[in-house]
Amino acid sequence: MTTEPVRDKRCPLCGGSLREELATLPFVVKGSVVVVKGVAAEVCADCGEAFLGGKDVDAVTALLQDAVNHHVELTVVPFPGETPVPS
């Protein structure tokens, strides 16, 4: 994990600097609370919003669907596999 800005990318929400991190992302889906840990993301240093790449969005969506299918009320799941921080 690094705290250095990524090629001076800017947050589309607030204009803050984006940095590569492993993020912890909370979701509420159909009454289930799911927290996904260890997701490679670009996170805004100012507002804290996390932005994911396409493959990671697909993987998180699958994790959320699985949690909802199992009727969980609260679950914390690790992101699958060894996820390197994007470069």
PDB file of N, CA and C in Angstrom:
ATOM      1  N   MET A   1       0.848  -1.166   0.000  1.00  0.00           N
ATOM      2  CA  MET A   1       0.000   0.000   0.000  1.00  0.00           C
ATOM      3  C   MET A   1       0.896   1.232   0.000  1.00  0.00           C
ATOM      4  N   THR A   2       0.505   2.205  -0.763  1.00  0.00           N
ATOM      5  CA  THR A   2       1.295   3.429  -0.843  1.00  0.00           C
ATOM      6  C   THR A   2       0.409   4.636  -0.612  1.00  0.00           C
ATOM      7  N   THR A   3       0.993   5.706  -0.152  1.00  0.00           N
ATOM      8  CA  THR A   3       0.220   6.927   0.052  1.00  0.00           C
ATOM      9  C   THR A   3       0.590   7.983  -0.974  1.00  0.00           C
ATOM     10  N   GLU A   4       1.373   7.590  -1.972  1.00  0.00           N
ATOM     11  CA  GLU A   4       1.779   8.524  -3.014  1.00  0.00           C
ATOM     12  C   GLU A   4       0.657   8.687  -4.039  1.00  0.00           C
ATOM     13  N   PRO A   5       0.449   9.890  -4.556  1.00  0.00           N
ATOM     14  CA  PRO A   5      -0.558  10.081  -5.602  1.00  0.00           C
ATOM     15  C   PRO A   5      -0.233   9.261  -6.837  1.00  0.00           C
ATOM     16  N   VAL A   6      -1.265   8.822  -7.548  1.00  0.00           N
ATOM     17  CA  VAL A   6      -1.110   8.023  -8.755  1.00  0.00           C
ATOM     18  C   VAL A   6      -1.094   8.966  -9.947  1.00  0.00           C
ATOM     19  N   ARG A   7       0.098   9.252 -10.473  1.00  0.00           N
ATOM     20  CA  ARG A   7       0.240  10.104 -11.653  1.00  0.00           C
ATOM     21  C   ARG A   7      -0.681  11.315 -11.597  1.00  0.00           C
ATOM     22  N   ASP A   8      -0.843  11.890 -10.431  1.00  0.00           N
ATOM     23  CA  ASP A   8      -1.639  13.088 -10.217  1.00  0.00           C
ATOM     24  C   ASP A   8      -3.077  12.939 -10.706  1.00  0.00           C
ATOM     25  N   LYS A   9      -3.656  11.732 -10.532  1.00  0.00           N
ATOM     26  CA  LYS A   9      -5.068  11.544 -10.856  1.00  0.00           C
ATOM     27  C   LYS A   9      -5.905  12.285  -9.830  1.00  0.00           C
ATOM     28  N   ARG A  10      -7.041  12.799 -10.253  1.00  0.00           N
ATOM     29  CA  ARG A  10      -7.911  13.584  -9.389  1.00  0.00           C
ATOM     30  C   ARG A  10      -9.253  12.896  -9.196  1.00  0.00           C
ATOM     31  N   CYS A  11      -9.808  13.060  -8.029  1.00  0.00           N
ATOM     32  CA  CYS A  11     -11.124  12.528  -7.686  1.00  0.00           C
ATOM     33  C   CYS A  11     -12.188  13.260  -8.502  1.00  0.00           C
ATOM     34  N   PRO A  12     -13.061  12.517  -9.181  1.00  0.00           N
ATOM     35  CA  PRO A  12     -14.114  13.180  -9.947  1.00  0.00           C
ATOM     36  C   PRO A  12     -15.191  13.815  -9.064  1.00  0.00           C
ATOM     37  N   LEU A  13     -15.218  13.458  -7.781  1.00  0.00           N
ATOM     38  CA  LEU A  13     -16.222  14.018  -6.879  1.00  0.00           C
ATOM     39  C   LEU A  13     -15.790  15.328  -6.237  1.00  0.00           C
ATOM     40  N   CYS A  14     -14.531  15.363  -5.756  1.00  0.00           N
ATOM     41  CA  CYS A  14     -14.104  16.551  -5.002  1.00  0.00           C
ATOM     42  C   CYS A  14     -12.826  17.190  -5.540  1.00  0.00           C
ATOM     43  N   GLY A  15     -12.130  16.508  -6.462  1.00  0.00           N
ATOM     44  CA  GLY A  15     -10.894  17.046  -7.016  1.00  0.00           C
ATOM     45  C   GLY A  15      -9.647  16.693  -6.228  1.00  0.00           C
ATOM     46  N   GLY A  16      -9.786  15.928  -5.139  1.00  0.00           N
ATOM     47  CA  GLY A  16      -8.630  15.516  -4.337  1.00  0.00           C
ATOM     48  C   GLY A  16      -7.739  14.543  -5.087  1.00  0.00           C
ATOM     49  N   SER A  17      -6.559  14.300  -4.556  1.00  0.00           N
ATOM     50  CA  SER A  17      -5.608  13.360  -5.166  1.00  0.00           C
ATOM     51  C   SER A  17      -6.033  11.926  -4.907  1.00  0.00           C
ATOM     52  N   LEU A  18      -5.919  11.093  -5.939  1.00  0.00           N
ATOM     53  CA  LEU A  18      -6.188   9.671  -5.787  1.00  0.00           C
ATOM     54  C   LEU A  18      -4.887   8.946  -5.499  1.00  0.00           C
ATOM     55  N   ARG A  19      -4.967   7.954  -4.612  1.00  0.00           N
ATOM     56  CA  ARG A  19      -3.791   7.137  -4.309  1.00  0.00           C
ATOM     57  C   ARG A  19      -4.207   5.672  -4.300  1.00  0.00           C
ATOM     58  N   GLU A  20      -3.273   4.815  -4.625  1.00  0.00           N
ATOM     59  CA  GLU A  20      -3.530   3.377  -4.677  1.00  0.00           C
ATOM     60  C   GLU A  20      -3.516   2.828  -3.263  1.00  0.00           C
ATOM     61  N   GLU A  21      -4.559   2.057  -2.922  1.00  0.00           N
ATOM     62  CA  GLU A  21      -4.674   1.459  -1.595  1.00  0.00           C
ATOM     63  C   GLU A  21      -5.456   0.161  -1.698  1.00  0.00           C
ATOM     64  N   LEU A  22      -5.370  -0.629  -0.635  1.00  0.00           N
ATOM     65  CA  LEU A  22      -6.293  -1.736  -0.459  1.00  0.00           C
ATOM     66  C   LEU A  22      -7.416  -1.194   0.410  1.00  0.00           C
ATOM     67  N   ALA A  23      -8.610  -1.169  -0.142  1.00  0.00           N
ATOM     68  CA  ALA A  23      -9.738  -0.527   0.518  1.00  0.00           C
ATOM     69  C   ALA A  23     -10.641  -1.550   1.204  1.00  0.00           C
ATOM     70  N   THR A  24     -11.371  -1.082   2.205  1.00  0.00           N
ATOM     71  CA  THR A  24     -12.444  -1.826   2.843  1.00  0.00           C
ATOM     72  C   THR A  24     -13.732  -1.124   2.452  1.00  0.00           C
ATOM     73  N   LEU A  25     -14.629  -1.864   1.790  1.00  0.00           N
ATOM     74  CA  LEU A  25     -15.825  -1.257   1.207  1.00  0.00           C
ATOM     75  C   LEU A  25     -17.093  -1.823   1.837  1.00  0.00           C
ATOM     76  N   PRO A  26     -17.920  -0.964   2.460  1.00  0.00           N
ATOM     77  CA  PRO A  26     -19.195  -1.432   3.027  1.00  0.00           C
ATOM     78  C   PRO A  26     -20.328  -1.292   2.006  1.00  0.00           C
ATOM     79  N   PHE A  27     -21.250  -2.253   2.005  1.00  0.00           N
ATOM     80  CA  PHE A  27     -22.409  -2.233   1.119  1.00  0.00           C
ATOM     81  C   PHE A  27     -23.648  -2.661   1.896  1.00  0.00           C
ATOM     82  N   VAL A  28     -24.801  -2.131   1.527  1.00  0.00           N
ATOM     83  CA  VAL A  28     -26.091  -2.623   1.994  1.00  0.00           C
ATOM     84  C   VAL A  28     -26.855  -3.042   0.748  1.00  0.00           C
ATOM     85  N   VAL A  29     -27.165  -4.348   0.668  1.00  0.00           N
ATOM     86  CA  VAL A  29     -27.836  -4.902  -0.508  1.00  0.00           C
ATOM     87  C   VAL A  29     -29.023  -5.734  -0.032  1.00  0.00           C
ATOM     88  N   LYS A  30     -30.224  -5.304  -0.403  1.00  0.00           N
ATOM     89  CA  LYS A  30     -31.451  -6.042  -0.058  1.00  0.00           C
ATOM     90  C   LYS A  30     -31.495  -6.388   1.431  1.00  0.00           C
ATOM     91  N   GLY A  31     -31.123  -5.444   2.284  1.00  0.00           N
ATOM     92  CA  GLY A  31     -31.194  -5.647   3.727  1.00  0.00           C
ATOM     93  C   GLY A  31     -29.989  -6.342   4.331  1.00  0.00           C
ATOM     94  N   SER A  32     -29.056  -6.795   3.510  1.00  0.00           N
ATOM     95  CA  SER A  32     -27.836  -7.423   4.011  1.00  0.00           C
ATOM     96  C   SER A  32     -26.712  -6.400   4.041  1.00  0.00           C
ATOM     97  N   VAL A  33     -25.934  -6.422   5.108  1.00  0.00           N
ATOM     98  CA  VAL A  33     -24.750  -5.567   5.210  1.00  0.00           C
ATOM     99  C   VAL A  33     -23.547  -6.438   4.903  1.00  0.00           C
ATOM    100  N   VAL A  34     -22.786  -6.036   3.876  1.00  0.00           N
ATOM    101  CA  VAL A  34     -21.612  -6.804   3.455  1.00  0.00           C
ATOM    102  C   VAL A  34     -20.427  -5.854   3.410  1.00  0.00           C
ATOM    103  N   VAL A  35     -19.347  -6.250   4.052  1.00  0.00           N
ATOM    104  CA  VAL A  35     -18.106  -5.473   4.035  1.00  0.00           C
ATOM    105  C   VAL A  35     -17.065  -6.306   3.301  1.00  0.00           C
ATOM    106  N   VAL A  36     -16.508  -5.730   2.240  1.00  0.00           N
ATOM    107  CA  VAL A  36     -15.490  -6.428   1.444  1.00  0.00           C
ATOM    108  C   VAL A  36     -14.148  -5.780   1.771  1.00  0.00           C
ATOM    109  N   LYS A  37     -13.210  -6.585   2.245  1.00  0.00           N
ATOM    110  CA  LYS A  37     -11.895  -6.081   2.660  1.00  0.00           C
ATOM    111  C   LYS A  37     -10.826  -6.435   1.639  1.00  0.00           C
ATOM    112  N   GLY A  38      -9.824  -5.563   1.514  1.00  0.00           N
ATOM    113  CA  GLY A  38      -8.651  -5.867   0.701  1.00  0.00           C
ATOM    114  C   GLY A  38      -8.845  -5.689  -0.784  1.00  0.00           C
ATOM    115  N   VAL A  39      -9.680  -4.737  -1.195  1.00  0.00           N
ATOM    116  CA  VAL A  39      -9.937  -4.493  -2.611  1.00  0.00           C
ATOM    117  C   VAL A  39      -8.968  -3.433  -3.122  1.00  0.00           C
ATOM    118  N   ALA A  40      -8.228  -3.740  -4.171  1.00  0.00           N
ATOM    119  CA  ALA A  40      -7.326  -2.755  -4.772  1.00  0.00           C
ATOM    120  C   ALA A  40      -8.174  -1.641  -5.372  1.00  0.00           C
ATOM    121  N   ALA A  41      -7.890  -0.408  -4.969  1.00  0.00           N
ATOM    122  CA  ALA A  41      -8.692   0.728  -5.422  1.00  0.00           C
ATOM    123  C   ALA A  41      -7.838   1.981  -5.464  1.00  0.00           C
ATOM    124  N   GLU A  42      -8.360   2.974  -6.165  1.00  0.00           N
ATOM    125  CA  GLU A  42      -7.796   4.321  -6.088  1.00  0.00           C
ATOM    126  C   GLU A  42      -8.700   5.079  -5.128  1.00  0.00           C
ATOM    127  N   VAL A  43      -8.128   5.576  -4.029  1.00  0.00           N
ATOM    128  CA  VAL A  43      -8.898   6.201  -2.962  1.00  0.00           C
ATOM    129  C   VAL A  43      -8.526   7.674  -2.877  1.00  0.00           C
ATOM    130  N   CYS A  44      -9.556   8.517  -2.757  1.00  0.00           N
ATOM    131  CA  CYS A  44      -9.328   9.958  -2.663  1.00  0.00           C
ATOM    132  C   CYS A  44      -8.750  10.301  -1.298  1.00  0.00           C
ATOM    133  N   ALA A  45      -7.660  11.065  -1.299  1.00  0.00           N
ATOM    134  CA  ALA A  45      -7.019  11.483  -0.061  1.00  0.00           C
ATOM    135  C   ALA A  45      -7.877  12.486   0.702  1.00  0.00           C
ATOM    136  N   ASP A  46      -8.803  13.169   0.014  1.00  0.00           N
ATOM    137  CA  ASP A  46      -9.627  14.183   0.675  1.00  0.00           C
ATOM    138  C   ASP A  46     -10.972  13.646   1.147  1.00  0.00           C
ATOM    139  N   CYS A  47     -11.754  13.062   0.239  1.00  0.00           N
ATOM    140  CA  CYS A  47     -13.107  12.641   0.617  1.00  0.00           C
ATOM    141  C   CYS A  47     -13.203  11.158   0.973  1.00  0.00           C
ATOM    142  N   GLY A  48     -12.171  10.357   0.649  1.00  0.00           N
ATOM    143  CA  GLY A  48     -12.158   8.946   1.002  1.00  0.00           C
ATOM    144  C   GLY A  48     -12.914   8.028   0.057  1.00  0.00           C
ATOM    145  N   GLU A  49     -13.487   8.574  -1.012  1.00  0.00           N
ATOM    146  CA  GLU A  49     -14.218   7.742  -1.970  1.00  0.00           C
ATOM    147  C   GLU A  49     -13.253   6.803  -2.689  1.00  0.00           C
ATOM    148  N   ALA A  50     -13.679   5.533  -2.860  1.00  0.00           N
ATOM    149  CA  ALA A  50     -12.853   4.526  -3.525  1.00  0.00           C
ATOM    150  C   ALA A  50     -13.376   4.278  -4.930  1.00  0.00           C
ATOM    151  N   PHE A  51     -12.461   4.111  -5.883  1.00  0.00           N
ATOM    152  CA  PHE A  51     -12.797   3.846  -7.274  1.00  0.00           C
ATOM    153  C   PHE A  51     -12.123   2.551  -7.690  1.00  0.00           C
ATOM    154  N   LEU A  52     -12.918   1.636  -8.290  1.00  0.00           N
ATOM    155  CA  LEU A  52     -12.432   0.311  -8.665  1.00  0.00           C
ATOM    156  C   LEU A  52     -12.332   0.179 -10.171  1.00  0.00           C
ATOM    157  N   GLY A  53     -11.445  -0.727 -10.596  1.00  0.00           N
ATOM    158  CA  GLY A  53     -11.359  -1.089 -12.005  1.00  0.00           C
ATOM    159  C   GLY A  53     -12.451  -2.090 -12.356  1.00  0.00           C
ATOM    160  N   GLY A  54     -12.672  -2.297 -13.637  1.00  0.00           N
ATOM    161  CA  GLY A  54     -13.753  -3.157 -14.115  1.00  0.00           C
ATOM    162  C   GLY A  54     -13.742  -4.576 -13.580  1.00  0.00           C
ATOM    163  N   LYS A  55     -12.564  -5.245 -13.609  1.00  0.00           N
ATOM    164  CA  LYS A  55     -12.481  -6.625 -13.107  1.00  0.00           C
ATOM    165  C   LYS A  55     -12.824  -6.690 -11.631  1.00  0.00           C
ATOM    166  N   ASP A  56     -12.360  -5.693 -10.872  1.00  0.00           N
ATOM    167  CA  ASP A  56     -12.630  -5.686  -9.435  1.00  0.00           C
ATOM    168  C   ASP A  56     -14.102  -5.411  -9.149  1.00  0.00           C
ATOM    169  N   VAL A  57     -14.738  -4.572  -9.957  1.00  0.00           N
ATOM    170  CA  VAL A  57     -16.178  -4.344  -9.808  1.00  0.00           C
ATOM    171  C   VAL A  57     -16.933  -5.647 -10.017  1.00  0.00           C
ATOM    172  N   ASP A  58     -16.548  -6.403 -11.038  1.00  0.00           N
ATOM    173  CA  ASP A  58     -17.201  -7.686 -11.308  1.00  0.00           C
ATOM    174  C   ASP A  58     -17.019  -8.652 -10.140  1.00  0.00           C
ATOM    175  N   ALA A  59     -15.812  -8.717  -9.584  1.00  0.00           N
ATOM    176  CA  ALA A  59     -15.543  -9.625  -8.470  1.00  0.00           C
ATOM    177  C   ALA A  59     -16.325  -9.217  -7.227  1.00  0.00           C
ATOM    178  N   VAL A  60     -16.385  -7.916  -6.928  1.00  0.00           N
ATOM    179  CA  VAL A  60     -17.142  -7.442  -5.769  1.00  0.00           C
ATOM    180  C   VAL A  60     -18.632  -7.732  -5.967  1.00  0.00           C
ATOM    181  N   THR A  61     -19.137  -7.511  -7.173  1.00  0.00           N
ATOM    182  CA  THR A  61     -20.543  -7.785  -7.463  1.00  0.00           C
ATOM    183  C   THR A  61     -20.868  -9.250  -7.216  1.00  0.00           C
ATOM    184  N   ALA A  62     -19.984 -10.146  -7.628  1.00  0.00           N
ATOM    185  CA  ALA A  62     -20.193 -11.582  -7.400  1.00  0.00           C
ATOM    186  C   ALA A  62     -20.203 -11.900  -5.906  1.00  0.00           C
ATOM    187  N   LEU A  63     -19.301 -11.292  -5.141  1.00  0.00           N
ATOM    188  CA  LEU A  63     -19.278 -11.504  -3.687  1.00  0.00           C
ATOM    189  C   LEU A  63     -20.575 -11.021  -3.043  1.00  0.00           C
ATOM    190  N   LEU A  64     -21.050  -9.861  -3.471  1.00  0.00           N
ATOM    191  CA  LEU A  64     -22.295  -9.318  -2.922  1.00  0.00           C
ATOM    192  C   LEU A  64     -23.477 -10.207  -3.262  1.00  0.00           C
ATOM    193  N   GLN A  65     -23.549 -10.670  -4.500  1.00  0.00           N
ATOM    194  CA  GLN A  65     -24.649 -11.542  -4.911  1.00  0.00           C
ATOM    195  C   GLN A  65     -24.637 -12.838  -4.106  1.00  0.00           C
ATOM    196  N   ASP A  66     -23.452 -13.398  -3.885  1.00  0.00           N
ATOM    197  CA  ASP A  66     -23.332 -14.627  -3.100  1.00  0.00           C
ATOM    198  C   ASP A  66     -23.824 -14.405  -1.672  1.00  0.00           C
ATOM    199  N   ALA A  67     -23.449 -13.278  -1.076  1.00  0.00           N
ATOM    200  CA  ALA A  67     -23.887 -12.983   0.293  1.00  0.00           C
ATOM    201  C   ALA A  67     -25.411 -12.849   0.357  1.00  0.00           C
ATOM    202  N   VAL A  68     -25.997 -12.157  -0.599  1.00  0.00           N
ATOM    203  CA  VAL A  68     -27.449 -11.981  -0.622  1.00  0.00           C
ATOM    204  C   VAL A  68     -28.144 -13.325  -0.849  1.00  0.00           C
ATOM    205  N   ASN A  69     -27.600 -14.154  -1.733  1.00  0.00           N
ATOM    206  CA  ASN A  69     -28.190 -15.471  -1.996  1.00  0.00           C
ATOM    207  C   ASN A  69     -28.193 -16.355  -0.754  1.00  0.00           C
ATOM    208  N   HIS A  70     -27.233 -16.117   0.150  1.00  0.00           N
ATOM    209  CA  HIS A  70     -27.162 -16.898   1.392  1.00  0.00           C
ATOM    210  C   HIS A  70     -27.914 -16.225   2.536  1.00  0.00           C
ATOM    211  N   HIS A  71     -28.647 -15.173   2.233  1.00  0.00           N
ATOM    212  CA  HIS A  71     -29.508 -14.479   3.204  1.00  0.00           C
ATOM    213  C   HIS A  71     -28.759 -14.035   4.454  1.00  0.00           C
ATOM    214  N   VAL A  72     -27.565 -13.518   4.263  1.00  0.00           N
ATOM    215  CA  VAL A  72     -26.798 -13.049   5.418  1.00  0.00           C
ATOM    216  C   VAL A  72     -27.351 -11.706   5.891  1.00  0.00           C
ATOM    217  N   GLU A  73     -27.222 -11.450   7.184  1.00  0.00           N
ATOM    218  CA  GLU A  73     -27.583 -10.136   7.709  1.00  0.00           C
ATOM    219  C   GLU A  73     -26.354  -9.249   7.790  1.00  0.00           C
ATOM    220  N   LEU A  74     -25.210  -9.852   8.131  1.00  0.00           N
ATOM    221  CA  LEU A  74     -23.949  -9.118   8.191  1.00  0.00           C
ATOM    222  C   LEU A  74     -22.826 -10.092   7.886  1.00  0.00           C
ATOM    223  N   THR A  75     -21.972  -9.717   6.963  1.00  0.00           N
ATOM    224  CA  THR A  75     -20.810 -10.544   6.674  1.00  0.00           C
ATOM    225  C   THR A  75     -19.639  -9.666   6.271  1.00  0.00           C
ATOM    226  N   VAL A  76     -18.444 -10.116   6.627  1.00  0.00           N
ATOM    227  CA  VAL A  76     -17.213  -9.461   6.194  1.00  0.00           C
ATOM    228  C   VAL A  76     -16.458 -10.498   5.379  1.00  0.00           C
ATOM    229  N   VAL A  77     -16.182 -10.170   4.113  1.00  0.00           N
ATOM    230  CA  VAL A  77     -15.520 -11.133   3.237  1.00  0.00           C
ATOM    231  C   VAL A  77     -14.227 -10.538   2.696  1.00  0.00           C
ATOM    232  N   PRO A  78     -13.175 -11.359   2.624  1.00  0.00           N
ATOM    233  CA  PRO A  78     -11.941 -10.865   2.000  1.00  0.00           C
ATOM    234  C   PRO A  78     -12.084 -10.903   0.490  1.00  0.00           C
ATOM    235  N   PHE A  79     -11.451  -9.970  -0.184  1.00  0.00           N
ATOM    236  CA  PHE A  79     -11.425  -9.984  -1.643  1.00  0.00           C
ATOM    237  C   PHE A  79     -10.646 -11.220  -2.055  1.00  0.00           C
ATOM    238  N   PRO A  80     -11.088 -11.959  -3.079  1.00  0.00           N
ATOM    239  CA  PRO A  80     -10.438 -13.229  -3.431  1.00  0.00           C
ATOM    240  C   PRO A  80      -9.017 -13.052  -3.941  1.00  0.00           C
ATOM    241  N   GLY A  81      -8.167 -13.981  -3.513  1.00  0.00           N
ATOM    242  CA  GLY A  81      -6.794 -14.037  -4.012  1.00  0.00           C
ATOM    243  C   GLY A  81      -5.893 -12.948  -3.486  1.00  0.00           C
ATOM    244  N   GLU A  82      -4.660 -13.040  -3.868  1.00  0.00           N
ATOM    245  CA  GLU A  82      -3.669 -12.027  -3.546  1.00  0.00           C
ATOM    246  C   GLU A  82      -3.856 -10.870  -4.505  1.00  0.00           C
ATOM    247  N   THR A  83      -4.351  -9.773  -4.033  1.00  0.00           N
ATOM    248  CA  THR A  83      -4.623  -8.625  -4.891  1.00  0.00           C
ATOM    249  C   THR A  83      -3.521  -7.587  -4.739  1.00  0.00           C
ATOM    250  N   PRO A  84      -2.684  -7.447  -5.758  1.00  0.00           N
ATOM    251  CA  PRO A  84      -1.669  -6.396  -5.671  1.00  0.00           C
ATOM    252  C   PRO A  84      -2.323  -5.031  -5.850  1.00  0.00           C
ATOM    253  N   VAL A  85      -1.756  -4.049  -5.222  1.00  0.00           N
ATOM    254  CA  VAL A  85      -2.231  -2.687  -5.402  1.00  0.00           C
ATOM    255  C   VAL A  85      -1.940  -2.295  -6.837  1.00  0.00           C
ATOM    256  N   PRO A  86      -2.921  -1.688  -7.553  1.00  0.00           N
ATOM    257  CA  PRO A  86      -2.669  -1.326  -8.954  1.00  0.00           C
ATOM    258  C   PRO A  86      -1.507  -0.360  -9.097  1.00  0.00           C
ATOM    259  N   SER A  87      -0.830  -0.476 -10.235  1.00  0.00           N
ATOM    260  CA  SER A  87       0.303   0.443 -10.452  1.00  0.00           C
ATOM    261  C   SER A  87       0.036   1.385 -11.589  1.00  0.00           C
TER     262      SER A  87
END
